[in-house]
Every structure is written in structure tokens, then in C-alpha cells.
Amino acid sequence: MQRAKEVARYTLDNGQVPDNSTYVPEPMEAELLDVFETISTLVSTLGYPVFEPLARAVRAGPRFFCRSRGCDASGELVEDGFVVFQGSKSRIDSTASMPESIGNRRKSMLEASIIEEMDGVYIFRQDYLFPSPSNAAATVLGASANGWNEWKDAGGKTLSEVHRDTQDGDNLSEDVA
């Protein structure tokens, strides 16, 4: 529980973390840590990287920005989606084009204290993994959005130009939210 809470990849229904007052002999602790590593590997292999951080501690990939319509967000494309970084600003108002699913996501993020309203914008209180760049852009912008065009690097190149257009024929599917 403690490791899953530290990583904060998923919202935990059971937030109880036992205290460390229970004594466990050193040989047993080593054995338990070995079992934990095995379980972590198996769960990740099955597609649930519960104990893996959202983004690398030292961000090796390019950082992308979404600065439009009153928002200022930054993030990174990762293997299993797009991470919007802590401190990013999202607009509160939504447009009529915003899909209902995005509205529901924003509401659940507010309830889980992942974002909070501050000075007329939503502020991300932690890094948050979205299933796609478009889902991240739509949530940040409060509108239907193609994240491959909305997220841009420091030089102004879109996520599509950096990742899709440079891959010889290896085109990813479109995921407009």
C-alpha cells in the first residue's frame, strides 16, 4: 500500500497503510521484499504497472506544453499514455464541444484532489497519467481536442511532428477526444 501510494499512479480505494511498529525478523523481511518484487513484475506484465512511477525521475523525453484558452500545462509522452505534470494549469470553463466523458473525468479528478480550483483555474496537485495525449489536452482545455496537435515542444513543434512524422511509416492511430 505504501509503495502504491508513493507512486500515485492509481487512486486507491483503501488508503490504510499499516504502521511499521510490527517487528519482522530480517530474514523474513528479505523474503517478503523478494515476493513483493515478483508480484510487482507480474502485475506490470499483465498491464497494471501499479508500482511504477508515471514518468521517469530524470525526464529524458521532450517536455510538451499546452498554452491556450487560459491554461498553461506541461507534460510528457510515456509508454502507456501522456502525463500532465504537477503544477499545470487547466481552464475551469468548458465548451459545448467537450465530451461528457471528459467532464466526468474532471469531476472525479476534483473529488480525488488531483486538481483543485485556485485563482480561476484548476491546478494539478500531482503528476497525472491520461490514456492518450488527446484525453489530456481535452481535460486541460475543457474542450474537444486533438492532443497530437495541441501539445507542443519548446520550439513550437507539435507532438505529432516530433513523434509521428519522424517514424518512417509507423503511424499511430488517431485518438481525438
C-alpha atoms as a PDB file:
ATOM      1  CA  MET A   1       0.000   0.000   0.000  1.00  0.00           C
ATOM      2  CA  GLN A   2       2.789   2.400   0.897  1.00  0.00           C
ATOM      3  CA  ARG A   3       4.578   1.923  -2.445  1.00  0.00           C
ATOM      4  CA  ALA A   4       1.336   2.273  -4.457  1.00  0.00           C
ATOM      5  CA  LYS A   5       0.522   5.449  -2.526  1.00  0.00           C
ATOM      6  CA  GLU A   6       4.011   6.922  -3.137  1.00  0.00           C
ATOM      7  CA  VAL A   7       3.827   6.243  -6.869  1.00  0.00           C
ATOM      8  CA  ALA A   8       0.238   7.620  -7.063  1.00  0.00           C
ATOM      9  CA  ARG A   9      -0.392   6.069 -10.475  1.00  0.00           C
ATOM     10  CA  TYR A  10      -3.889   4.973  -9.469  1.00  0.00           C
ATOM     11  CA  THR A  11      -6.447   6.194  -6.954  1.00  0.00           C
ATOM     12  CA  LEU A  12      -6.579   3.786  -4.032  1.00  0.00           C
ATOM     13  CA  ASP A  13      -9.956   2.815  -2.588  1.00  0.00           C
ATOM     14  CA  ASN A  14      -8.288   1.595   0.608  1.00  0.00           C
ATOM     15  CA  GLY A  15      -5.964   4.286   1.900  1.00  0.00           C
ATOM     16  CA  GLN A  16      -4.956   2.429   5.070  1.00  0.00           C
ATOM     17  CA  VAL A  17      -1.212   1.978   5.390  1.00  0.00           C
ATOM     18  CA  PRO A  18      -0.184  -0.160   8.360  1.00  0.00           C
ATOM     19  CA  ASP A  19       2.352   1.342  10.728  1.00  0.00           C
ATOM     20  CA  ASN A  20       5.858  -0.053  10.940  1.00  0.00           C
ATOM     21  CA  SER A  21       5.597  -0.958  14.616  1.00  0.00           C
ATOM     22  CA  THR A  22       5.248  -4.674  13.858  1.00  0.00           C
ATOM     23  CA  TYR A  23       8.623  -6.368  14.118  1.00  0.00           C
ATOM     24  CA  VAL A  24       9.592  -8.635  11.246  1.00  0.00           C
ATOM     25  CA  PRO A  25      12.851 -10.592  11.514  1.00  0.00           C
ATOM     26  CA  GLU A  26      15.447  -9.579   8.918  1.00  0.00           C
ATOM     27  CA  PRO A  27      15.451 -12.917   7.005  1.00  0.00           C
ATOM     28  CA  MET A  28      11.663 -12.814   6.716  1.00  0.00           C
ATOM     29  CA  GLU A  29      11.745  -9.162   5.588  1.00  0.00           C
ATOM     30  CA  ALA A  30      14.212 -10.064   2.818  1.00  0.00           C
ATOM     31  CA  GLU A  31      11.953 -12.900   1.705  1.00  0.00           C
ATOM     32  CA  LEU A  32       8.888 -10.622   1.734  1.00  0.00           C
ATOM     33  CA  LEU A  33      10.698  -7.977  -0.337  1.00  0.00           C
ATOM     34  CA  ASP A  34      11.614 -10.678  -2.866  1.00  0.00           C
ATOM     35  CA  VAL A  35       7.951 -11.749  -3.074  1.00  0.00           C
ATOM     36  CA  PHE A  36       6.925  -8.096  -3.485  1.00  0.00           C
ATOM     37  CA  GLU A  37       9.341  -7.645  -6.413  1.00  0.00           C
ATOM     38  CA  THR A  38       7.973 -10.790  -8.062  1.00  0.00           C
ATOM     39  CA  ILE A  39       4.378  -9.615  -7.640  1.00  0.00           C
ATOM     40  CA  SER A  40       5.275  -6.150  -8.939  1.00  0.00           C
ATOM     41  CA  THR A  41       6.841  -7.667 -12.069  1.00  0.00           C
ATOM     42  CA  LEU A  42       3.896  -9.984 -12.675  1.00  0.00           C
ATOM     43  CA  VAL A  43       1.290  -7.256 -12.203  1.00  0.00           C
ATOM     44  CA  SER A  44       3.195  -4.943 -14.594  1.00  0.00           C
ATOM     45  CA  THR A  45       3.474  -7.731 -17.151  1.00  0.00           C
ATOM     46  CA  LEU A  46      -0.305  -8.133 -17.009  1.00  0.00           C
ATOM     47  CA  GLY A  47      -0.708  -4.440 -17.871  1.00  0.00           C
ATOM     48  CA  TYR A  48      -1.135  -2.913 -14.421  1.00  0.00           C
ATOM     49  CA  PRO A  49       2.068  -1.042 -13.539  1.00  0.00           C
ATOM     50  CA  VAL A  50       0.765  -0.206 -10.053  1.00  0.00           C
ATOM     51  CA  PHE A  51       4.209   0.263  -8.501  1.00  0.00           C
ATOM     52  CA  GLU A  52       5.984   2.037 -11.399  1.00  0.00           C
ATOM     53  CA  PRO A  53       6.271   5.845 -11.404  1.00  0.00           C
ATOM     54  CA  LEU A  54       4.263   7.774 -14.003  1.00  0.00           C
ATOM     55  CA  ALA A  55       7.258   9.490 -15.511  1.00  0.00           C
ATOM     56  CA  ARG A  56      10.957   8.920 -15.111  1.00  0.00           C
ATOM     57  CA  ALA A  57      12.527  10.873 -12.254  1.00  0.00           C
ATOM     58  CA  VAL A  58      15.028  12.334 -14.694  1.00  0.00           C
ATOM     59  CA  ARG A  59      12.813  13.217 -17.623  1.00  0.00           C
ATOM     60  CA  ALA A  60      14.710  12.064 -20.667  1.00  0.00           C
ATOM     61  CA  GLY A  61      11.915  12.678 -23.153  1.00  0.00           C
ATOM     62  CA  PRO A  62      10.991  16.079 -24.519  1.00  0.00           C
ATOM     63  CA  ARG A  63       8.603  18.179 -22.472  1.00  0.00           C
ATOM     64  CA  PHE A  64       5.437  19.379 -24.187  1.00  0.00           C
ATOM     65  CA  PHE A  65       3.225  22.362 -23.409  1.00  0.00           C
ATOM     66  CA  CYS A  66      -0.419  23.234 -23.885  1.00  0.00           C
ATOM     67  CA  ARG A  67      -0.776  27.007 -23.622  1.00  0.00           C
ATOM     68  CA  SER A  68      -4.085  28.178 -24.935  1.00  0.00           C
ATOM     69  CA  ARG A  69      -7.527  29.301 -23.814  1.00  0.00           C
ATOM     70  CA  GLY A  70      -6.366  30.357 -20.352  1.00  0.00           C
ATOM     71  CA  CYS A  71      -4.329  27.272 -19.483  1.00  0.00           C
ATOM     72  CA  ASP A  72      -0.638  26.574 -19.064  1.00  0.00           C
ATOM     73  CA  ALA A  73       0.117  22.858 -18.790  1.00  0.00           C
ATOM     74  CA  SER A  74       3.198  20.756 -19.378  1.00  0.00           C
ATOM     75  CA  GLY A  75       3.652  17.037 -19.783  1.00  0.00           C
ATOM     76  CA  GLU A  76       5.439  14.122 -21.361  1.00  0.00           C
ATOM     77  CA  LEU A  77       4.506  11.285 -23.698  1.00  0.00           C
ATOM     78  CA  VAL A  78       5.152   7.979 -21.918  1.00  0.00           C
ATOM     79  CA  GLU A  79       4.768   4.357 -22.908  1.00  0.00           C
ATOM     80  CA  ASP A  80       1.217   3.983 -21.598  1.00  0.00           C
ATOM     81  CA  GLY A  81      -0.221   7.452 -22.234  1.00  0.00           C
ATOM     82  CA  PHE A  82       0.507  11.089 -21.536  1.00  0.00           C
ATOM     83  CA  VAL A  83       1.495  12.505 -18.132  1.00  0.00           C
ATOM     84  CA  VAL A  84       0.446  16.038 -17.218  1.00  0.00           C
ATOM     85  CA  PHE A  85       2.875  17.371 -14.630  1.00  0.00           C
ATOM     86  CA  GLN A  86       2.120  18.705 -11.179  1.00  0.00           C
ATOM     87  CA  GLY A  87       1.595  22.477 -11.161  1.00  0.00           C
ATOM     88  CA  SER A  88      -0.004  22.556 -14.616  1.00  0.00           C
ATOM     89  CA  LYS A  89      -2.946  24.921 -15.036  1.00  0.00           C
ATOM     90  CA  SER A  90      -6.192  23.902 -16.698  1.00  0.00           C
ATOM     91  CA  ARG A  91      -9.081  26.153 -17.574  1.00  0.00           C
ATOM     92  CA  ILE A  92     -12.202  25.780 -15.445  1.00  0.00           C
ATOM     93  CA  ASP A  93     -14.780  26.710 -18.064  1.00  0.00           C
ATOM     94  CA  SER A  94     -15.707  24.090 -20.602  1.00  0.00           C
ATOM     95  CA  THR A  95     -17.037  24.433 -24.119  1.00  0.00           C
ATOM     96  CA  ALA A  96     -20.128  22.805 -25.584  1.00  0.00           C
ATOM     97  CA  SER A  97     -17.806  20.567 -27.631  1.00  0.00           C
ATOM     98  CA  MET A  98     -16.270  18.975 -24.526  1.00  0.00           C
ATOM     99  CA  PRO A  99     -17.247  15.288 -24.433  1.00  0.00           C
ATOM    100  CA  GLU A 100     -19.286  14.154 -21.428  1.00  0.00           C
ATOM    101  CA  SER A 101     -16.549  11.633 -20.563  1.00  0.00           C
ATOM    102  CA  ILE A 102     -14.038  14.478 -20.153  1.00  0.00           C
ATOM    103  CA  GLY A 103     -16.470  16.363 -17.898  1.00  0.00           C
ATOM    104  CA  ASN A 104     -16.864  13.236 -15.769  1.00  0.00           C
ATOM    105  CA  ARG A 105     -13.074  12.795 -15.598  1.00  0.00           C
ATOM    106  CA  ARG A 106     -12.593  16.405 -14.477  1.00  0.00           C
ATOM    107  CA  LYS A 107     -15.272  15.963 -11.800  1.00  0.00           C
ATOM    108  CA  SER A 108     -13.655  12.782 -10.461  1.00  0.00           C
ATOM    109  CA  MET A 109     -10.222  14.441 -10.508  1.00  0.00           C
ATOM    110  CA  LEU A 110     -11.619  17.295  -8.395  1.00  0.00           C
ATOM    111  CA  GLU A 111     -13.226  14.849  -5.949  1.00  0.00           C
ATOM    112  CA  ALA A 112      -9.943  12.915  -5.637  1.00  0.00           C
ATOM    113  CA  SER A 113      -7.989  16.187  -5.075  1.00  0.00           C
ATOM    114  CA  ILE A 114      -5.833  15.536  -8.148  1.00  0.00           C
ATOM    115  CA  ILE A 115      -6.785  19.020  -9.320  1.00  0.00           C
ATOM    116  CA  GLU A 116      -8.014  21.936  -7.262  1.00  0.00           C
ATOM    117  CA  GLU A 117      -9.574  25.281  -8.110  1.00  0.00           C
ATOM    118  CA  MET A 118      -7.249  28.189  -7.430  1.00  0.00           C
ATOM    119  CA  ASP A 119      -7.307  31.757  -8.799  1.00  0.00           C
ATOM    120  CA  GLY A 120      -9.825  30.923 -11.515  1.00  0.00           C
ATOM    121  CA  VAL A 121      -8.031  27.843 -12.884  1.00  0.00           C
ATOM    122  CA  TYR A 122      -7.593  24.193 -11.988  1.00  0.00           C
ATOM    123  CA  ILE A 123      -4.114  23.352 -10.698  1.00  0.00           C
ATOM    124  CA  PHE A 124      -2.739  19.804 -10.925  1.00  0.00           C
ATOM    125  CA  ARG A 125      -1.632  18.801  -7.411  1.00  0.00           C
ATOM    126  CA  GLN A 126       0.290  15.780  -8.709  1.00  0.00           C
ATOM    127  CA  ASP A 127       1.509  14.229 -11.955  1.00  0.00           C
ATOM    128  CA  TYR A 128      -1.450  12.538 -13.653  1.00  0.00           C
ATOM    129  CA  LEU A 129      -1.447   9.842 -16.332  1.00  0.00           C
ATOM    130  CA  PHE A 130      -4.011  10.126 -19.129  1.00  0.00           C
ATOM    131  CA  PRO A 131      -4.621   7.271 -21.570  1.00  0.00           C
ATOM    132  CA  SER A 132      -3.786   9.499 -24.560  1.00  0.00           C
ATOM    133  CA  PRO A 133      -2.453  12.959 -25.466  1.00  0.00           C
ATOM    134  CA  SER A 134      -5.910  13.933 -26.758  1.00  0.00           C
ATOM    135  CA  ASN A 135      -7.568  12.952 -23.491  1.00  0.00           C
ATOM    136  CA  ALA A 136      -5.003  15.059 -21.615  1.00  0.00           C
ATOM    137  CA  ALA A 137      -5.460  18.061 -23.936  1.00  0.00           C
ATOM    138  CA  ALA A 138      -9.267  17.870 -23.780  1.00  0.00           C
ATOM    139  CA  THR A 139      -9.157  17.765 -19.975  1.00  0.00           C
ATOM    140  CA  VAL A 140      -6.741  20.698 -19.780  1.00  0.00           C
ATOM    141  CA  LEU A 141      -8.584  22.801 -22.386  1.00  0.00           C
ATOM    142  CA  GLY A 142     -12.136  21.880 -21.348  1.00  0.00           C
ATOM    143  CA  ALA A 143     -12.973  21.195 -24.978  1.00  0.00           C
ATOM    144  CA  SER A 144     -12.755  18.518 -27.620  1.00  0.00           C
ATOM    145  CA  ALA A 145      -9.116  18.443 -28.698  1.00  0.00           C
ATOM    146  CA  ASN A 146      -6.567  16.575 -30.763  1.00  0.00           C
ATOM    147  CA  GLY A 147      -3.661  16.271 -28.345  1.00  0.00           C
ATOM    148  CA  TRP A 148      -1.232  15.375 -31.121  1.00  0.00           C
ATOM    149  CA  ASN A 149      -1.684  18.959 -32.395  1.00  0.00           C
ATOM    150  CA  GLU A 150      -2.337  20.806 -29.100  1.00  0.00           C
ATOM    151  CA  TRP A 151       0.786  19.648 -27.203  1.00  0.00           C
ATOM    152  CA  LYS A 152       3.897  21.474 -28.487  1.00  0.00           C
ATOM    153  CA  ASP A 153       7.553  21.378 -27.504  1.00  0.00           C
ATOM    154  CA  ALA A 154       9.610  24.462 -26.564  1.00  0.00           C
ATOM    155  CA  GLY A 155      10.381  25.059 -30.247  1.00  0.00           C
ATOM    156  CA  GLY A 156       6.708  25.036 -31.255  1.00  0.00           C
ATOM    157  CA  LYS A 157       6.704  21.594 -32.893  1.00  0.00           C
ATOM    158  CA  THR A 158       3.572  19.557 -32.234  1.00  0.00           C
ATOM    159  CA  LEU A 159       3.636  16.176 -30.549  1.00  0.00           C
ATOM    160  CA  SER A 160       2.696  14.712 -33.930  1.00  0.00           C
ATOM    161  CA  GLU A 161       5.649  16.376 -35.663  1.00  0.00           C
ATOM    162  CA  VAL A 162       8.065  15.147 -33.004  1.00  0.00           C
ATOM    163  CA  HIS A 163       6.788  11.568 -32.628  1.00  0.00           C
ATOM    164  CA  ARG A 164       4.557  10.591 -35.530  1.00  0.00           C
ATOM    165  CA  ASP A 165       6.076  12.366 -38.507  1.00  0.00           C
ATOM    166  CA  THR A 166       9.587  11.182 -37.652  1.00  0.00           C
ATOM    167  CA  GLN A 167       8.648   7.500 -37.555  1.00  0.00           C
ATOM    168  CA  ASP A 168       9.008   6.036 -41.035  1.00  0.00           C
ATOM    169  CA  GLY A 169       5.562   4.716 -41.823  1.00  0.00           C
ATOM    170  CA  ASP A 170       4.960   3.744 -38.203  1.00  0.00           C
ATOM    171  CA  ASN A 171       1.846   5.890 -37.804  1.00  0.00           C
ATOM    172  CA  LEU A 172      -0.082   5.710 -34.543  1.00  0.00           C
ATOM    173  CA  SER A 173      -3.866   5.662 -34.600  1.00  0.00           C
ATOM    174  CA  GLU A 174      -5.769   8.952 -34.203  1.00  0.00           C
ATOM    175  CA  ASP A 175      -7.276   9.482 -30.770  1.00  0.00           C
ATOM    176  CA  VAL A 176      -9.301  12.691 -30.827  1.00  0.00           C
ATOM    177  CA  ALA A 177     -11.112  13.224 -27.528  1.00  0.00           C
END
